[in-house]
Amino acid sequence: MAPLPVYCATKAAVHTFSLALRQQLEGTPVKVFELIPPMVDTNLDKGARKARGQTYFGMSTAAFIVPAMKSFTNDEYEIRVQDPNLPAQWGDRSGGPARAP
């Protein structure tokens, strides 16, 4: 992800903020969840993705919602949904596509 330093830095910042907030609110009724989705096929940027020839748009929203909601229900505070269409070793920590080894 070296070509996307701002993207990577903001993901790291949200993760660190979530950890700190979760620790700060420990012992209160407030729960801090961090949802780390893979690429999900939505209308967001779909035109640009098609224009640049992208052929895979991510997992369907319906397929994404099931494991995400199960994780919320189970009080899993760091929720990483893996895209079943991609090999796990190719995914970054969010389950999105990464460069092949």
Foldseek 3Di string as FASTA:
>chain_A
DVVCVVVVVVVVVVVVVLVVVQVVCPPHPDAAAAQQAEQEQDPVCPVVCVVVPNDDRAHYPVVRVVQVVVCVVVSPRYHADAGPVDDQVQADSNNYGHDDD
